[in-house]
Amino acid sequence: MKYIKFENQNNEALYGILENGSVKEISGELFGEHTQTDNEYNLEDIHVLPVCSPSKIVAIGLNYRDHAEEMGKDLPAEPRMFLKPGTAVIGHGDEIVYPDHMSSHVDYEGELAVVIGKKAKDVEESDALSYVFGYTCHNDITARDLQARDIQFTRGKGFDTFAPIGPVIETELDAGNADISTYLNGELKQNSNTSNLIFNIPALVSFISKVMTLLPGDIISTGTPAGVSPMNRGDVVEVKITGIGTLKNHIV
């Protein structure tokens, strides 16, 4: 099932279920009890919003075998975590702002994102998927020059608009075998499959939950495959994941 967050003509923020180009509004809590209503919208008539409002984005570095090979690095022994702030979140169709007052090298990083559905603390791998609500696309925008300059990744990863997510949350994805690709101005740049993840979804949920409590709506971004390169003002970047759809943003 594909859940989408949107704004109607009355500027109300709502959730709905996307089916065949139409959106059927739901009532209740997305991460709790909810029911489908009789209200229906054409996808073309609504403004798509970020699919959730995470308290944190826990991102994983160097988690694709092909990316590790590309970078000439050994496979990590355990997940390498960093955080992106909730203020970096934007949605499908929103603009990524190039921070040219600080950076001159900004990269895309197409990633599969896990959306947490219920509070998770000290979770075991065998039970980890029961805490996952669904999956979405994430573009882990990175000011690469600042990342290299700083001791940690906060500045290079944390600018406003540096965390596009969407366009939907898919609840029925086979996250262990999904094609993922990134296009820059229509040109294929990244092309891989989540089967190439070094640490899979259950391992990541368990590992992270033993460090920090994950809350409903939090996001785990699972790492980027090979093919990362810079973007410039005026570019269009698209992250496509089979079963979820396409996250598209312009750089301004």
C-alpha atoms as a PDB file:
ATOM      1  CA  MET A   1       0.000   0.000   0.000  1.00  0.00           C
ATOM      2  CA  LYS A   2       1.244   3.469  -0.876  1.00  0.00           C
ATOM      3  CA  TYR A   3       0.599   6.239   1.664  1.00  0.00           C
ATOM      4  CA  ILE A   4       1.033   9.856   0.620  1.00  0.00           C
ATOM      5  CA  LYS A   5       0.913  13.102   2.586  1.00  0.00           C
ATOM      6  CA  PHE A   6      -0.601  16.055   0.771  1.00  0.00           C
ATOM      7  CA  GLU A   7      -2.171  19.467   1.050  1.00  0.00           C
ATOM      8  CA  ASN A   8      -5.657  19.990  -0.341  1.00  0.00           C
ATOM      9  CA  GLN A   9      -7.164  23.199  -1.756  1.00  0.00           C
ATOM     10  CA  ASN A  10      -8.041  24.336   1.784  1.00  0.00           C
ATOM     11  CA  ASN A  11      -4.376  24.108   2.813  1.00  0.00           C
ATOM     12  CA  GLU A  12      -5.093  21.146   5.063  1.00  0.00           C
ATOM     13  CA  ALA A  13      -2.300  18.593   5.544  1.00  0.00           C
ATOM     14  CA  LEU A  14      -3.777  15.132   5.074  1.00  0.00           C
ATOM     15  CA  TYR A  15      -2.754  11.534   4.495  1.00  0.00           C
ATOM     16  CA  GLY A  16      -4.177   9.310   1.827  1.00  0.00           C
ATOM     17  CA  ILE A  17      -3.725   6.047  -0.034  1.00  0.00           C
ATOM     18  CA  LEU A  18      -2.453   6.378  -3.597  1.00  0.00           C
ATOM     19  CA  GLU A  19      -4.119   4.048  -6.091  1.00  0.00           C
ATOM     20  CA  ASN A  20      -4.075   4.382  -9.880  1.00  0.00           C
ATOM     21  CA  GLY A  21      -3.432   8.127  -9.902  1.00  0.00           C
ATOM     22  CA  SER A  22      -6.053   9.019  -7.286  1.00  0.00           C
ATOM     23  CA  VAL A  23      -5.654   9.621  -3.563  1.00  0.00           C
ATOM     24  CA  LYS A  24      -8.204   8.317  -1.058  1.00  0.00           C
ATOM     25  CA  GLU A  25      -8.061  10.296   2.180  1.00  0.00           C
ATOM     26  CA  ILE A  26      -7.671   8.495   5.495  1.00  0.00           C
ATOM     27  CA  SER A  27      -8.770   9.579   8.969  1.00  0.00           C
ATOM     28  CA  GLY A  28      -6.975   8.762  12.197  1.00  0.00           C
ATOM     29  CA  GLU A  29      -3.277   8.326  12.879  1.00  0.00           C
ATOM     30  CA  LEU A  30      -0.940   7.147  10.126  1.00  0.00           C
ATOM     31  CA  PHE A  31       1.192   5.188  12.604  1.00  0.00           C
ATOM     32  CA  GLY A  32      -1.851   4.057  14.566  1.00  0.00           C
ATOM     33  CA  GLU A  33      -5.508   3.321  13.918  1.00  0.00           C
ATOM     34  CA  HIS A  34      -6.854   4.841  10.707  1.00  0.00           C
ATOM     35  CA  THR A  35      -9.614   4.231   8.193  1.00  0.00           C
ATOM     36  CA  GLN A  36     -10.205   5.150   4.572  1.00  0.00           C
ATOM     37  CA  THR A  37     -12.791   7.868   3.975  1.00  0.00           C
ATOM     38  CA  ASP A  38     -14.981   8.655   0.972  1.00  0.00           C
ATOM     39  CA  ASN A  39     -12.928  11.760   0.107  1.00  0.00           C
ATOM     40  CA  GLU A  40     -10.950  11.269  -3.090  1.00  0.00           C
ATOM     41  CA  TYR A  41      -8.514  13.549  -4.938  1.00  0.00           C
ATOM     42  CA  ASN A  42      -6.791  13.504  -8.295  1.00  0.00           C
ATOM     43  CA  LEU A  43      -3.032  13.356  -7.842  1.00  0.00           C
ATOM     44  CA  GLU A  44      -2.636  16.309 -10.236  1.00  0.00           C
ATOM     45  CA  ASP A  45      -4.845  18.508  -8.027  1.00  0.00           C
ATOM     46  CA  ILE A  46      -2.924  18.191  -4.756  1.00  0.00           C
ATOM     47  CA  HIS A  47       0.400  19.441  -3.431  1.00  0.00           C
ATOM     48  CA  VAL A  48       2.592  16.563  -2.245  1.00  0.00           C
ATOM     49  CA  LEU A  49       4.208  17.058   1.175  1.00  0.00           C
ATOM     50  CA  PRO A  50       7.115  15.236   2.850  1.00  0.00           C
ATOM     51  CA  VAL A  51       5.812  11.795   3.721  1.00  0.00           C
ATOM     52  CA  CYS A  52       6.575  12.175   7.449  1.00  0.00           C
ATOM     53  CA  SER A  53       8.193  14.489   9.994  1.00  0.00           C
ATOM     54  CA  PRO A  54      11.024  12.504  11.565  1.00  0.00           C
ATOM     55  CA  SER A  55      12.485  13.484  14.911  1.00  0.00           C
ATOM     56  CA  LYS A  56      15.755  12.327  13.367  1.00  0.00           C
ATOM     57  CA  ILE A  57      17.190  10.753  10.247  1.00  0.00           C
ATOM     58  CA  VAL A  58      19.723   8.076  11.112  1.00  0.00           C
ATOM     59  CA  ALA A  59      21.876   7.647   8.022  1.00  0.00           C
ATOM     60  CA  ILE A  60      24.358   4.888   7.287  1.00  0.00           C
ATOM     61  CA  GLY A  61      27.641   5.493   5.519  1.00  0.00           C
ATOM     62  CA  LEU A  62      29.453   3.031   3.226  1.00  0.00           C
ATOM     63  CA  ASN A  63      26.740   0.360   3.172  1.00  0.00           C
ATOM     64  CA  TYR A  64      26.867  -0.838  -0.458  1.00  0.00           C
ATOM     65  CA  ARG A  65      29.534  -3.244  -1.617  1.00  0.00           C
ATOM     66  CA  ASP A  66      29.809  -1.525  -5.013  1.00  0.00           C
ATOM     67  CA  HIS A  67      30.272   1.879  -3.365  1.00  0.00           C
ATOM     68  CA  ALA A  68      32.993   0.500  -1.059  1.00  0.00           C
ATOM     69  CA  GLU A  69      34.771  -0.945  -4.104  1.00  0.00           C
ATOM     70  CA  GLU A  70      34.397   2.371  -5.944  1.00  0.00           C
ATOM     71  CA  MET A  71      35.934   4.227  -2.998  1.00  0.00           C
ATOM     72  CA  GLY A  72      38.680   1.643  -2.526  1.00  0.00           C
ATOM     73  CA  LYS A  73      37.686   1.027   1.091  1.00  0.00           C
ATOM     74  CA  ASP A  74      37.397  -2.132   3.156  1.00  0.00           C
ATOM     75  CA  LEU A  75      33.919  -3.257   4.175  1.00  0.00           C
ATOM     76  CA  PRO A  76      33.008  -1.866   7.617  1.00  0.00           C
ATOM     77  CA  ALA A  77      32.751  -4.243  10.553  1.00  0.00           C
ATOM     78  CA  GLU A  78      29.640  -2.509  11.904  1.00  0.00           C
ATOM     79  CA  PRO A  79      27.233   0.162  10.619  1.00  0.00           C
ATOM     80  CA  ARG A  80      28.638   3.681  10.407  1.00  0.00           C
ATOM     81  CA  MET A  81      25.951   6.046  11.672  1.00  0.00           C
ATOM     82  CA  PHE A  82      25.428   9.769  11.435  1.00  0.00           C
ATOM     83  CA  LEU A  83      22.402  12.029  11.928  1.00  0.00           C
ATOM     84  CA  LYS A  84      20.607  14.476   9.681  1.00  0.00           C
ATOM     85  CA  PRO A  85      18.233  16.988  11.327  1.00  0.00           C
ATOM     86  CA  GLY A  86      14.502  17.020  10.735  1.00  0.00           C
ATOM     87  CA  THR A  87      14.835  20.602   9.493  1.00  0.00           C
ATOM     88  CA  ALA A  88      16.639  19.273   6.399  1.00  0.00           C
ATOM     89  CA  VAL A  89      13.498  17.445   5.219  1.00  0.00           C
ATOM     90  CA  ILE A  90      11.688  18.479   2.035  1.00  0.00           C
ATOM     91  CA  GLY A  91       9.264  16.607  -0.179  1.00  0.00           C
ATOM     92  CA  HIS A  92       8.890  15.419  -3.732  1.00  0.00           C
ATOM     93  CA  GLY A  93       8.933  18.398  -6.097  1.00  0.00           C
ATOM     94  CA  ASP A  94      10.467  20.781  -3.553  1.00  0.00           C
ATOM     95  CA  GLU A  95      13.660  22.716  -4.264  1.00  0.00           C
ATOM     96  CA  ILE A  96      17.116  21.811  -2.968  1.00  0.00           C
ATOM     97  CA  VAL A  97      18.950  25.033  -2.065  1.00  0.00           C
ATOM     98  CA  TYR A  98      22.637  25.058  -3.001  1.00  0.00           C
ATOM     99  CA  PRO A  99      24.545  26.549  -0.009  1.00  0.00           C
ATOM    100  CA  ASP A 100      27.024  28.510  -2.108  1.00  0.00           C
ATOM    101  CA  HIS A 101      27.898  30.742   0.860  1.00  0.00           C
ATOM    102  CA  MET A 102      29.801  27.745   2.279  1.00  0.00           C
ATOM    103  CA  SER A 103      30.165  24.989  -0.313  1.00  0.00           C
ATOM    104  CA  SER A 104      31.237  24.553  -3.922  1.00  0.00           C
ATOM    105  CA  HIS A 105      30.784  20.758  -4.180  1.00  0.00           C
ATOM    106  CA  VAL A 106      27.313  19.308  -3.499  1.00  0.00           C
ATOM    107  CA  ASP A 107      26.578  15.649  -4.305  1.00  0.00           C
ATOM    108  CA  TYR A 108      23.409  13.570  -4.626  1.00  0.00           C
ATOM    109  CA  GLU A 109      23.181  10.218  -2.844  1.00  0.00           C
ATOM    110  CA  GLY A 110      20.120   8.143  -3.743  1.00  0.00           C
ATOM    111  CA  GLU A 111      19.085   5.862  -0.881  1.00  0.00           C
ATOM    112  CA  LEU A 112      16.345   3.547   0.340  1.00  0.00           C
ATOM    113  CA  ALA A 113      14.819   4.953   3.528  1.00  0.00           C
ATOM    114  CA  VAL A 114      13.125   2.918   6.244  1.00  0.00           C
ATOM    115  CA  VAL A 115      10.165   4.589   8.003  1.00  0.00           C
ATOM    116  CA  ILE A 116       9.749   3.445  11.609  1.00  0.00           C
ATOM    117  CA  GLY A 117       6.166   2.686  12.658  1.00  0.00           C
ATOM    118  CA  LYS A 118       6.398   2.220  16.425  1.00  0.00           C
ATOM    119  CA  LYS A 119       8.778   2.992  19.287  1.00  0.00           C
ATOM    120  CA  ALA A 120      11.852   0.775  19.017  1.00  0.00           C
ATOM    121  CA  LYS A 121      14.406   0.261  21.782  1.00  0.00           C
ATOM    122  CA  ASP A 122      16.846  -2.663  22.111  1.00  0.00           C
ATOM    123  CA  VAL A 123      15.212  -4.569  19.265  1.00  0.00           C
ATOM    124  CA  GLU A 124      16.535  -7.951  18.161  1.00  0.00           C
ATOM    125  CA  GLU A 125      17.084  -8.643  14.451  1.00  0.00           C
ATOM    126  CA  SER A 126      14.499 -11.436  14.490  1.00  0.00           C
ATOM    127  CA  ASP A 127      11.787  -8.940  15.477  1.00  0.00           C
ATOM    128  CA  ALA A 128      13.115  -5.839  13.727  1.00  0.00           C
ATOM    129  CA  LEU A 129      10.780  -5.760  10.718  1.00  0.00           C
ATOM    130  CA  SER A 130       7.731  -5.548  13.000  1.00  0.00           C
ATOM    131  CA  TYR A 131       8.881  -2.001  13.878  1.00  0.00           C
ATOM    132  CA  VAL A 132       9.039  -0.927  10.224  1.00  0.00           C
ATOM    133  CA  PHE A 133       5.991   0.868   8.835  1.00  0.00           C
ATOM    134  CA  GLY A 134       7.273   1.076   5.277  1.00  0.00           C
ATOM    135  CA  TYR A 135       9.866   2.471   2.882  1.00  0.00           C
ATOM    136  CA  THR A 136      10.464   5.605   0.853  1.00  0.00           C
ATOM    137  CA  CYS A 137      13.135   7.277  -1.276  1.00  0.00           C
ATOM    138  CA  HIS A 138      15.722   9.589   0.251  1.00  0.00           C
ATOM    139  CA  ASN A 139      18.335  11.791  -1.373  1.00  0.00           C
ATOM    140  CA  ASP A 140      21.142  12.233   1.152  1.00  0.00           C
ATOM    141  CA  ILE A 141      22.390  15.557  -0.217  1.00  0.00           C
ATOM    142  CA  THR A 142      25.982  16.166   0.843  1.00  0.00           C
ATOM    143  CA  ALA A 143      28.299  19.158   0.712  1.00  0.00           C
ATOM    144  CA  ARG A 144      31.304  16.935   0.012  1.00  0.00           C
ATOM    145  CA  ASP A 145      33.942  19.604   0.523  1.00  0.00           C
ATOM    146  CA  LEU A 146      32.599  20.409   3.989  1.00  0.00           C
ATOM    147  CA  GLN A 147      32.282  16.726   4.863  1.00  0.00           C
ATOM    148  CA  ALA A 148      35.969  16.274   4.037  1.00  0.00           C
ATOM    149  CA  ARG A 149      36.951  19.397   5.968  1.00  0.00           C
ATOM    150  CA  ASP A 150      35.066  18.697   9.205  1.00  0.00           C
ATOM    151  CA  ILE A 151      35.729  16.029  11.811  1.00  0.00           C
ATOM    152  CA  GLN A 152      32.126  14.813  11.591  1.00  0.00           C
ATOM    153  CA  PHE A 153      29.353  15.002   8.976  1.00  0.00           C
ATOM    154  CA  THR A 154      26.835  17.368  10.608  1.00  0.00           C
ATOM    155  CA  ARG A 155      27.520  20.487   8.562  1.00  0.00           C
ATOM    156  CA  GLY A 156      28.048  18.751   5.228  1.00  0.00           C
ATOM    157  CA  LYS A 157      24.858  16.710   5.609  1.00  0.00           C
ATOM    158  CA  GLY A 158      22.620  19.012   7.618  1.00  0.00           C
ATOM    159  CA  PHE A 159      21.729  22.094   5.559  1.00  0.00           C
ATOM    160  CA  ASP A 160      18.056  22.947   5.169  1.00  0.00           C
ATOM    161  CA  THR A 161      16.614  21.094   2.115  1.00  0.00           C
ATOM    162  CA  PHE A 162      19.390  18.443   2.239  1.00  0.00           C
ATOM    163  CA  ALA A 163      16.984  15.564   2.979  1.00  0.00           C
ATOM    164  CA  PRO A 164      14.363  15.149   0.233  1.00  0.00           C
ATOM    165  CA  ILE A 165      12.059  12.200   1.012  1.00  0.00           C
ATOM    166  CA  GLY A 166       9.098  10.679  -0.801  1.00  0.00           C
ATOM    167  CA  PRO A 167       6.996  10.622  -2.804  1.00  0.00           C
ATOM    168  CA  VAL A 168       5.148   7.857  -0.898  1.00  0.00           C
ATOM    169  CA  ILE A 169       5.608   5.352   1.905  1.00  0.00           C
ATOM    170  CA  GLU A 170       5.303   1.850   0.455  1.00  0.00           C
ATOM    171  CA  THR A 171       4.355  -0.744   3.064  1.00  0.00           C
ATOM    172  CA  GLU A 172       4.735  -3.901   0.959  1.00  0.00           C
ATOM    173  CA  LEU A 173       8.210  -3.539  -0.546  1.00  0.00           C
ATOM    174  CA  ASP A 174      10.677  -6.415  -0.712  1.00  0.00           C
ATOM    175  CA  ALA A 175      13.408  -4.220   0.740  1.00  0.00           C
ATOM    176  CA  GLY A 176      16.054  -6.898   0.366  1.00  0.00           C
ATOM    177  CA  ASN A 177      15.733  -6.996  -3.420  1.00  0.00           C
ATOM    178  CA  ALA A 178      14.736  -3.615  -4.843  1.00  0.00           C
ATOM    179  CA  ASP A 179      16.369  -1.835  -7.777  1.00  0.00           C
ATOM    180  CA  ILE A 180      17.621   1.665  -6.936  1.00  0.00           C
ATOM    181  CA  SER A 181      18.816   4.274  -9.428  1.00  0.00           C
ATOM    182  CA  THR A 182      19.595   7.980  -9.543  1.00  0.00           C
ATOM    183  CA  TYR A 183      19.298  10.245 -12.582  1.00  0.00           C
ATOM    184  CA  LEU A 184      20.849  13.677 -13.010  1.00  0.00           C
ATOM    185  CA  ASN A 185      19.189  15.710 -15.770  1.00  0.00           C
ATOM    186  CA  GLY A 186      17.836  12.465 -17.192  1.00  0.00           C
ATOM    187  CA  GLU A 187      21.211  10.690 -17.262  1.00  0.00           C
ATOM    188  CA  LEU A 188      21.560   7.475 -15.263  1.00  0.00           C
ATOM    189  CA  LYS A 189      24.235   7.937 -12.586  1.00  0.00           C
ATOM    190  CA  GLN A 190      23.578   5.279  -9.966  1.00  0.00           C
ATOM    191  CA  ASN A 191      22.184   1.821 -10.645  1.00  0.00           C
ATOM    192  CA  SER A 192      22.197  -0.953  -8.049  1.00  0.00           C
ATOM    193  CA  ASN A 193      20.001  -3.217  -5.957  1.00  0.00           C
ATOM    194  CA  THR A 194      19.405  -3.370  -2.213  1.00  0.00           C
ATOM    195  CA  SER A 195      20.701  -6.947  -2.255  1.00  0.00           C
ATOM    196  CA  ASN A 196      24.132  -5.255  -2.345  1.00  0.00           C
ATOM    197  CA  LEU A 197      23.639  -3.765   1.129  1.00  0.00           C
ATOM    198  CA  ILE A 198      26.379  -4.768   3.548  1.00  0.00           C
ATOM    199  CA  PHE A 199      24.026  -4.469   6.558  1.00  0.00           C
ATOM    200  CA  ASN A 200      20.397  -5.322   5.780  1.00  0.00           C
ATOM    201  CA  ILE A 201      17.281  -3.683   7.202  1.00  0.00           C
ATOM    202  CA  PRO A 202      16.810  -5.939  10.268  1.00  0.00           C
ATOM    203  CA  ALA A 203      20.478  -5.543  11.179  1.00  0.00           C
ATOM    204  CA  LEU A 204      20.266  -1.756  10.926  1.00  0.00           C
ATOM    205  CA  VAL A 205      17.044  -1.423  12.944  1.00  0.00           C
ATOM    206  CA  SER A 206      18.451  -3.643  15.679  1.00  0.00           C
ATOM    207  CA  PHE A 207      21.869  -1.972  15.790  1.00  0.00           C
ATOM    208  CA  ILE A 208      20.509   1.577  15.870  1.00  0.00           C
ATOM    209  CA  SER A 209      17.791   0.789  18.438  1.00  0.00           C
ATOM    210  CA  LYS A 210      20.500  -0.408  20.818  1.00  0.00           C
ATOM    211  CA  VAL A 211      22.125   3.032  20.566  1.00  0.00           C
ATOM    212  CA  MET A 212      19.090   5.339  20.512  1.00  0.00           C
ATOM    213  CA  THR A 213      15.325   4.986  20.728  1.00  0.00           C
ATOM    214  CA  LEU A 214      13.608   5.129  17.355  1.00  0.00           C
ATOM    215  CA  LEU A 215      10.202   6.834  17.276  1.00  0.00           C
ATOM    216  CA  PRO A 216       7.273   6.556  14.858  1.00  0.00           C
ATOM    217  CA  GLY A 217       8.101   8.577  11.758  1.00  0.00           C
ATOM    218  CA  ASP A 218      11.859   8.376  12.245  1.00  0.00           C
ATOM    219  CA  ILE A 219      13.881   7.453   9.173  1.00  0.00           C
ATOM    220  CA  ILE A 220      16.824   5.133   8.690  1.00  0.00           C
ATOM    221  CA  SER A 221      18.603   5.945   5.430  1.00  0.00           C
ATOM    222  CA  THR A 222      20.403   2.793   4.381  1.00  0.00           C
ATOM    223  CA  GLY A 223      23.354   4.134   2.377  1.00  0.00           C
ATOM    224  CA  THR A 224      24.090   4.962  -1.237  1.00  0.00           C
ATOM    225  CA  PRO A 225      25.416   2.773  -4.062  1.00  0.00           C
ATOM    226  CA  ALA A 226      28.269   3.596  -6.432  1.00  0.00           C
ATOM    227  CA  GLY A 227      28.078   6.539  -8.829  1.00  0.00           C
ATOM    228  CA  VAL A 228      27.949   9.599  -6.571  1.00  0.00           C
ATOM    229  CA  SER A 229      28.883  12.876  -8.298  1.00  0.00           C
ATOM    230  CA  PRO A 230      28.230  16.634  -7.997  1.00  0.00           C
ATOM    231  CA  MET A 231      25.091  18.620  -8.794  1.00  0.00           C
ATOM    232  CA  ASN A 232      24.819  22.238  -9.875  1.00  0.00           C
ATOM    233  CA  ARG A 233      22.197  24.970  -9.774  1.00  0.00           C
ATOM    234  CA  GLY A 234      19.527  24.316 -12.387  1.00  0.00           C
ATOM    235  CA  ASP A 235      19.974  20.540 -12.292  1.00  0.00           C
ATOM    236  CA  VAL A 236      17.165  18.040 -11.768  1.00  0.00           C
ATOM    237  CA  VAL A 237      17.850  14.939  -9.664  1.00  0.00           C
ATOM    238  CA  GLU A 238      15.618  11.871  -9.475  1.00  0.00           C
ATOM    239  CA  VAL A 239      15.868   8.880  -7.130  1.00  0.00           C
ATOM    240  CA  LYS A 240      13.917   5.852  -8.347  1.00  0.00           C
ATOM    241  CA  ILE A 241      13.255   2.691  -6.344  1.00  0.00           C
ATOM    242  CA  THR A 242      11.260  -0.182  -7.785  1.00  0.00           C
ATOM    243  CA  GLY A 243       7.943  -0.505  -5.952  1.00  0.00           C
ATOM    244  CA  ILE A 244       8.079   2.984  -4.439  1.00  0.00           C
ATOM    245  CA  GLY A 245       8.366   5.416  -7.346  1.00  0.00           C
ATOM    246  CA  THR A 246      10.420   8.495  -8.178  1.00  0.00           C
ATOM    247  CA  LEU A 247      11.567  11.310  -5.900  1.00  0.00           C
ATOM    248  CA  LYS A 248      12.273  14.361  -8.064  1.00  0.00           C
ATOM    249  CA  ASN A 249      13.805  17.683  -7.017  1.00  0.00           C
ATOM    250  CA  HIS A 250      15.342  20.776  -8.648  1.00  0.00           C
ATOM    251  CA  ILE A 251      18.530  22.454  -7.399  1.00  0.00           C
ATOM    252  CA  VAL A 252      18.333  26.240  -6.989  1.00  0.00           C
END
